[in-house]
Amino acid sequence: MEIHNLEHLDNAIVYGIVNERLRLECASLDEFLLQFGLDHQTFQHKLDEMGCYYDPLVNQLRQK
């Protein structure tokens, strides 16, 4: 599954992919965004749309 076109993906799919990649491959959200070439502002917009936030203490997305 390609995360590069995240604005076209279903929110549940984005949530699952991002949390999996954070858990297995990336030590932070910044590292995730850099690894996948994603813009921070675009990603933040998607998080707002999904009703989520990034929790750096557990390195995961969480529901608001």
PDB file of N, CA and C in Angstrom:
ATOM      1  N   MET A   1       0.847  -1.182   0.000  1.00  0.00           N
ATOM      2  CA  MET A   1       0.000   0.000   0.000  1.00  0.00           C
ATOM      3  C   MET A   1       0.889   1.241   0.000  1.00  0.00           C
ATOM      4  N   GLU A   2       0.611   2.166  -0.882  1.00  0.00           N
ATOM      5  CA  GLU A   2       1.392   3.388  -1.000  1.00  0.00           C
ATOM      6  C   GLU A   2       0.856   4.470  -0.083  1.00  0.00           C
ATOM      7  N   ILE A   3       1.676   4.992   0.773  1.00  0.00           N
ATOM      8  CA  ILE A   3       1.296   6.070   1.683  1.00  0.00           C
ATOM      9  C   ILE A   3       1.562   7.432   1.043  1.00  0.00           C
ATOM     10  N   HIS A   4       2.271   7.472  -0.076  1.00  0.00           N
ATOM     11  CA  HIS A   4       2.654   8.730  -0.709  1.00  0.00           C
ATOM     12  C   HIS A   4       1.450   9.547  -1.164  1.00  0.00           C
ATOM     13  N   ASN A   5       0.349   8.910  -1.486  1.00  0.00           N
ATOM     14  CA  ASN A   5      -0.875   9.594  -1.912  1.00  0.00           C
ATOM     15  C   ASN A   5      -1.899   9.581  -0.790  1.00  0.00           C
ATOM     16  N   LEU A   6      -1.485   9.977   0.391  1.00  0.00           N
ATOM     17  CA  LEU A   6      -2.317   9.796   1.558  1.00  0.00           C
ATOM     18  C   LEU A   6      -3.630  10.559   1.510  1.00  0.00           C
ATOM     19  N   GLU A   7      -3.694  11.666   0.782  1.00  0.00           N
ATOM     20  CA  GLU A   7      -4.958  12.400   0.722  1.00  0.00           C
ATOM     21  C   GLU A   7      -6.033  11.623  -0.027  1.00  0.00           C
ATOM     22  N   HIS A   8      -5.640  10.593  -0.777  1.00  0.00           N
ATOM     23  CA  HIS A   8      -6.597   9.785  -1.530  1.00  0.00           C
ATOM     24  C   HIS A   8      -6.954   8.473  -0.824  1.00  0.00           C
ATOM     25  N   LEU A   9      -6.322   8.212   0.316  1.00  0.00           N
ATOM     26  CA  LEU A   9      -6.567   6.963   1.038  1.00  0.00           C
ATOM     27  C   LEU A   9      -7.632   7.135   2.108  1.00  0.00           C
ATOM     28  N   ASP A  10      -8.330   6.075   2.388  1.00  0.00           N
ATOM     29  CA  ASP A  10      -9.311   6.053   3.465  1.00  0.00           C
ATOM     30  C   ASP A  10      -8.613   6.312   4.801  1.00  0.00           C
ATOM     31  N   ASN A  11      -9.288   7.039   5.675  1.00  0.00           N
ATOM     32  CA  ASN A  11      -8.699   7.408   6.967  1.00  0.00           C
ATOM     33  C   ASN A  11      -8.265   6.204   7.793  1.00  0.00           C
ATOM     34  N   ALA A  12      -9.058   5.152   7.811  1.00  0.00           N
ATOM     35  CA  ALA A  12      -8.710   3.963   8.597  1.00  0.00           C
ATOM     36  C   ALA A  12      -7.447   3.297   8.061  1.00  0.00           C
ATOM     37  N   ILE A  13      -7.273   3.326   6.759  1.00  0.00           N
ATOM     38  CA  ILE A  13      -6.078   2.743   6.154  1.00  0.00           C
ATOM     39  C   ILE A  13      -4.847   3.574   6.514  1.00  0.00           C
ATOM     40  N   VAL A  14      -4.968   4.897   6.432  1.00  0.00           N
ATOM     41  CA  VAL A  14      -3.859   5.780   6.798  1.00  0.00           C
ATOM     42  C   VAL A  14      -3.473   5.554   8.248  1.00  0.00           C
ATOM     43  N   TYR A  15      -4.457   5.500   9.122  1.00  0.00           N
ATOM     44  CA  TYR A  15      -4.213   5.300  10.556  1.00  0.00           C
ATOM     45  C   TYR A  15      -3.421   4.011  10.790  1.00  0.00           C
ATOM     46  N   GLY A  16      -3.846   2.942  10.167  1.00  0.00           N
ATOM     47  CA  GLY A  16      -3.177   1.653  10.334  1.00  0.00           C
ATOM     48  C   GLY A  16      -1.776   1.628   9.764  1.00  0.00           C
ATOM     49  N   ILE A  17      -1.605   2.158   8.561  1.00  0.00           N
ATOM     50  CA  ILE A  17      -0.293   2.160   7.920  1.00  0.00           C
ATOM     51  C   ILE A  17       0.694   2.999   8.713  1.00  0.00           C
ATOM     52  N   VAL A  18       0.272   4.203   9.098  1.00  0.00           N
ATOM     53  CA  VAL A  18       1.183   5.093   9.817  1.00  0.00           C
ATOM     54  C   VAL A  18       1.597   4.471  11.143  1.00  0.00           C
ATOM     55  N   ASN A  19       0.653   3.954  11.912  1.00  0.00           N
ATOM     56  CA  ASN A  19       1.009   3.360  13.196  1.00  0.00           C
ATOM     57  C   ASN A  19       1.904   2.143  13.032  1.00  0.00           C
ATOM     58  N   GLU A  20       1.670   1.356  11.999  1.00  0.00           N
ATOM     59  CA  GLU A  20       2.535   0.198  11.757  1.00  0.00           C
ATOM     60  C   GLU A  20       3.962   0.653  11.425  1.00  0.00           C
ATOM     61  N   ARG A  21       4.085   1.644  10.551  1.00  0.00           N
ATOM     62  CA  ARG A  21       5.411   2.131  10.171  1.00  0.00           C
ATOM     63  C   ARG A  21       6.117   2.789  11.353  1.00  0.00           C
ATOM     64  N   LEU A  22       5.370   3.519  12.171  1.00  0.00           N
ATOM     65  CA  LEU A  22       5.969   4.127  13.362  1.00  0.00           C
ATOM     66  C   LEU A  22       6.461   3.044  14.323  1.00  0.00           C
ATOM     67  N   ARG A  23       5.687   1.995  14.470  1.00  0.00           N
ATOM     68  CA  ARG A  23       6.051   0.919  15.389  1.00  0.00           C
ATOM     69  C   ARG A  23       7.257   0.124  14.889  1.00  0.00           C
ATOM     70  N   LEU A  24       7.318  -0.135  13.592  1.00  0.00           N
ATOM     71  CA  LEU A  24       8.336  -1.045  13.059  1.00  0.00           C
ATOM     72  C   LEU A  24       9.569  -0.362  12.457  1.00  0.00           C
ATOM     73  N   GLU A  25       9.418   0.857  11.932  1.00  0.00           N
ATOM     74  CA  GLU A  25      10.502   1.432  11.145  1.00  0.00           C
ATOM     75  C   GLU A  25      10.992   2.806  11.581  1.00  0.00           C
ATOM     76  N   CYS A  26      10.129   3.598  12.180  1.00  0.00           N
ATOM     77  CA  CYS A  26      10.469   5.012  12.407  1.00  0.00           C
ATOM     78  C   CYS A  26      10.396   5.361  13.888  1.00  0.00           C
ATOM     79  N   ALA A  27      11.404   6.064  14.354  1.00  0.00           N
ATOM     80  CA  ALA A  27      11.487   6.430  15.774  1.00  0.00           C
ATOM     81  C   ALA A  27      10.697   7.690  16.113  1.00  0.00           C
ATOM     82  N   SER A  28      10.206   8.397  15.087  1.00  0.00           N
ATOM     83  CA  SER A  28       9.447   9.625  15.338  1.00  0.00           C
ATOM     84  C   SER A  28       8.586   9.946  14.121  1.00  0.00           C
ATOM     85  N   LEU A  29       7.661  10.867  14.304  1.00  0.00           N
ATOM     86  CA  LEU A  29       6.831  11.310  13.187  1.00  0.00           C
ATOM     87  C   LEU A  29       7.681  12.028  12.142  1.00  0.00           C
ATOM     88  N   ASP A  30       8.636  12.831  12.580  1.00  0.00           N
ATOM     89  CA  ASP A  30       9.519  13.525  11.631  1.00  0.00           C
ATOM     90  C   ASP A  30      10.279  12.533  10.768  1.00  0.00           C
ATOM     91  N   GLU A  31      10.766  11.474  11.366  1.00  0.00           N
ATOM     92  CA  GLU A  31      11.480  10.438  10.605  1.00  0.00           C
ATOM     93  C   GLU A  31      10.539   9.773   9.603  1.00  0.00           C
ATOM     94  N   PHE A  32       9.315   9.494  10.015  1.00  0.00           N
ATOM     95  CA  PHE A  32       8.314   8.909   9.123  1.00  0.00           C
ATOM     96  C   PHE A  32       8.064   9.818   7.925  1.00  0.00           C
ATOM     97  N   LEU A  33       7.818  11.105   8.191  1.00  0.00           N
ATOM     98  CA  LEU A  33       7.531  12.055   7.115  1.00  0.00           C
ATOM     99  C   LEU A  33       8.703  12.167   6.153  1.00  0.00           C
ATOM    100  N   LEU A  34       9.908  12.203   6.683  1.00  0.00           N
ATOM    101  CA  LEU A  34      11.109  12.273   5.852  1.00  0.00           C
ATOM    102  C   LEU A  34      11.275  11.007   5.013  1.00  0.00           C
ATOM    103  N   GLN A  35      11.109   9.857   5.635  1.00  0.00           N
ATOM    104  CA  GLN A  35      11.284   8.573   4.939  1.00  0.00           C
ATOM    105  C   GLN A  35      10.318   8.433   3.771  1.00  0.00           C
ATOM    106  N   PHE A  36       9.087   8.921   3.936  1.00  0.00           N
ATOM    107  CA  PHE A  36       8.081   8.743   2.894  1.00  0.00           C
ATOM    108  C   PHE A  36       7.854  10.001   2.057  1.00  0.00           C
ATOM    109  N   GLY A  37       8.686  11.030   2.274  1.00  0.00           N
ATOM    110  CA  GLY A  37       8.612  12.228   1.461  1.00  0.00           C
ATOM    111  C   GLY A  37       7.295  12.973   1.597  1.00  0.00           C
ATOM    112  N   LEU A  38       6.752  12.993   2.808  1.00  0.00           N
ATOM    113  CA  LEU A  38       5.471  13.644   3.053  1.00  0.00           C
ATOM    114  C   LEU A  38       5.675  15.022   3.663  1.00  0.00           C
ATOM    115  N   ASP A  39       4.831  15.940   3.259  1.00  0.00           N
ATOM    116  CA  ASP A  39       4.847  17.299   3.773  1.00  0.00           C
ATOM    117  C   ASP A  39       4.151  17.338   5.130  1.00  0.00           C
ATOM    118  N   HIS A  40       4.794  17.990   6.111  1.00  0.00           N
ATOM    119  CA  HIS A  40       4.239  18.042   7.466  1.00  0.00           C
ATOM    120  C   HIS A  40       2.859  18.705   7.488  1.00  0.00           C
ATOM    121  N   GLN A  41       2.692  19.791   6.769  1.00  0.00           N
ATOM    122  CA  GLN A  41       1.418  20.508   6.770  1.00  0.00           C
ATOM    123  C   GLN A  41       0.307  19.660   6.146  1.00  0.00           C
ATOM    124  N   THR A  42       0.582  18.987   5.056  1.00  0.00           N
ATOM    125  CA  THR A  42      -0.403  18.110   4.417  1.00  0.00           C
ATOM    126  C   THR A  42      -0.775  16.966   5.349  1.00  0.00           C
ATOM    127  N   PHE A  43       0.241  16.401   6.013  1.00  0.00           N
ATOM    128  CA  PHE A  43      -0.016  15.298   6.934  1.00  0.00           C
ATOM    129  C   PHE A  43      -0.839  15.774   8.122  1.00  0.00           C
ATOM    130  N   GLN A  44      -0.540  16.949   8.644  1.00  0.00           N
ATOM    131  CA  GLN A  44      -1.300  17.494   9.774  1.00  0.00           C
ATOM    132  C   GLN A  44      -2.758  17.722   9.379  1.00  0.00           C
ATOM    133  N   HIS A  45      -2.978  18.176   8.162  1.00  0.00           N
ATOM    134  CA  HIS A  45      -4.344  18.361   7.667  1.00  0.00           C
ATOM    135  C   HIS A  45      -5.088  17.018   7.655  1.00  0.00           C
ATOM    136  N   LYS A  46      -4.409  15.966   7.216  1.00  0.00           N
ATOM    137  CA  LYS A  46      -5.019  14.627   7.181  1.00  0.00           C
ATOM    138  C   LYS A  46      -5.336  14.169   8.602  1.00  0.00           C
ATOM    139  N   LEU A  47      -4.411  14.412   9.551  1.00  0.00           N
ATOM    140  CA  LEU A  47      -4.673  14.045  10.945  1.00  0.00           C
ATOM    141  C   LEU A  47      -5.891  14.777  11.484  1.00  0.00           C
ATOM    142  N   ASP A  48      -6.000  16.061  11.184  1.00  0.00           N
ATOM    143  CA  ASP A  48      -7.161  16.837  11.633  1.00  0.00           C
ATOM    144  C   ASP A  48      -8.447  16.275  11.043  1.00  0.00           C
ATOM    145  N   GLU A  49      -8.396  15.926   9.767  1.00  0.00           N
ATOM    146  CA  GLU A  49      -9.550  15.338   9.083  1.00  0.00           C
ATOM    147  C   GLU A  49      -9.946  14.008   9.738  1.00  0.00           C
ATOM    148  N   MET A  50      -8.949  13.253  10.183  1.00  0.00           N
ATOM    149  CA  MET A  50      -9.182  11.949  10.796  1.00  0.00           C
ATOM    150  C   MET A  50      -9.574  12.057  12.266  1.00  0.00           C
ATOM    151  N   GLY A  51      -9.394  13.224  12.873  1.00  0.00           N
ATOM    152  CA  GLY A  51      -9.658  13.382  14.299  1.00  0.00           C
ATOM    153  C   GLY A  51      -8.583  12.719  15.146  1.00  0.00           C
ATOM    154  N   CYS A  52      -7.336  12.795  14.684  1.00  0.00           N
ATOM    155  CA  CYS A  52      -6.204  12.145  15.358  1.00  0.00           C
ATOM    156  C   CYS A  52      -5.133  13.162  15.712  1.00  0.00           C
ATOM    157  N   TYR A  53      -4.212  12.704  16.549  1.00  0.00           N
ATOM    158  CA  TYR A  53      -3.017  13.474  16.870  1.00  0.00           C
ATOM    159  C   TYR A  53      -1.875  12.490  17.057  1.00  0.00           C
ATOM    160  N   TYR A  54      -0.660  13.000  16.940  1.00  0.00           N
ATOM    161  CA  TYR A  54       0.527  12.181  17.149  1.00  0.00           C
ATOM    162  C   TYR A  54       0.948  12.303  18.607  1.00  0.00           C
ATOM    163  N   ASP A  55       1.122  11.163  19.268  1.00  0.00           N
ATOM    164  CA  ASP A  55       1.584  11.125  20.658  1.00  0.00           C
ATOM    165  C   ASP A  55       3.039  10.672  20.658  1.00  0.00           C
ATOM    166  N   PRO A  56       3.978  11.604  20.869  1.00  0.00           N
ATOM    167  CA  PRO A  56       5.403  11.234  20.814  1.00  0.00           C
ATOM    168  C   PRO A  56       5.850  10.317  21.948  1.00  0.00           C
ATOM    169  N   LEU A  57       5.113  10.290  23.052  1.00  0.00           N
ATOM    170  CA  LEU A  57       5.502   9.416  24.168  1.00  0.00           C
ATOM    171  C   LEU A  57       5.400   7.940  23.803  1.00  0.00           C
ATOM    172  N   VAL A  58       4.429   7.611  22.968  1.00  0.00           N
ATOM    173  CA  VAL A  58       4.268   6.219  22.544  1.00  0.00           C
ATOM    174  C   VAL A  58       4.561   6.035  21.053  1.00  0.00           C
ATOM    175  N   ASN A  59       4.925   7.160  20.375  1.00  0.00           N
ATOM    176  CA  ASN A  59       5.238   7.130  18.943  1.00  0.00           C
ATOM    177  C   ASN A  59       4.119   6.490  18.138  1.00  0.00           C
ATOM    178  N   GLN A  60       2.890   6.961  18.372  1.00  0.00           N
ATOM    179  CA  GLN A  60       1.721   6.438  17.668  1.00  0.00           C
ATOM    180  C   GLN A  60       0.698   7.540  17.437  1.00  0.00           C
ATOM    181  N   LEU A  61      -0.170   7.318  16.461  1.00  0.00           N
ATOM    182  CA  LEU A  61      -1.327   8.179  16.283  1.00  0.00           C
ATOM    183  C   LEU A  61      -2.383   7.746  17.294  1.00  0.00           C
ATOM    184  N   ARG A  62      -3.129   8.718  17.785  1.00  0.00           N
ATOM    185  CA  ARG A  62      -4.205   8.453  18.757  1.00  0.00           C
ATOM    186  C   ARG A  62      -5.449   9.208  18.318  1.00  0.00           C
ATOM    187  N   GLN A  63      -6.599   8.676  18.660  1.00  0.00           N
ATOM    188  CA  GLN A  63      -7.874   9.364  18.406  1.00  0.00           C
ATOM    189  C   GLN A  63      -8.064  10.457  19.439  1.00  0.00           C
ATOM    190  N   LYS A  64      -8.608  11.598  19.003  1.00  0.00           N
ATOM    191  CA  LYS A  64      -8.897  12.700  19.944  1.00  0.00           C
ATOM    192  C   LYS A  64     -10.086  12.358  20.801  1.00  0.00           C
TER     193      LYS A  64
END
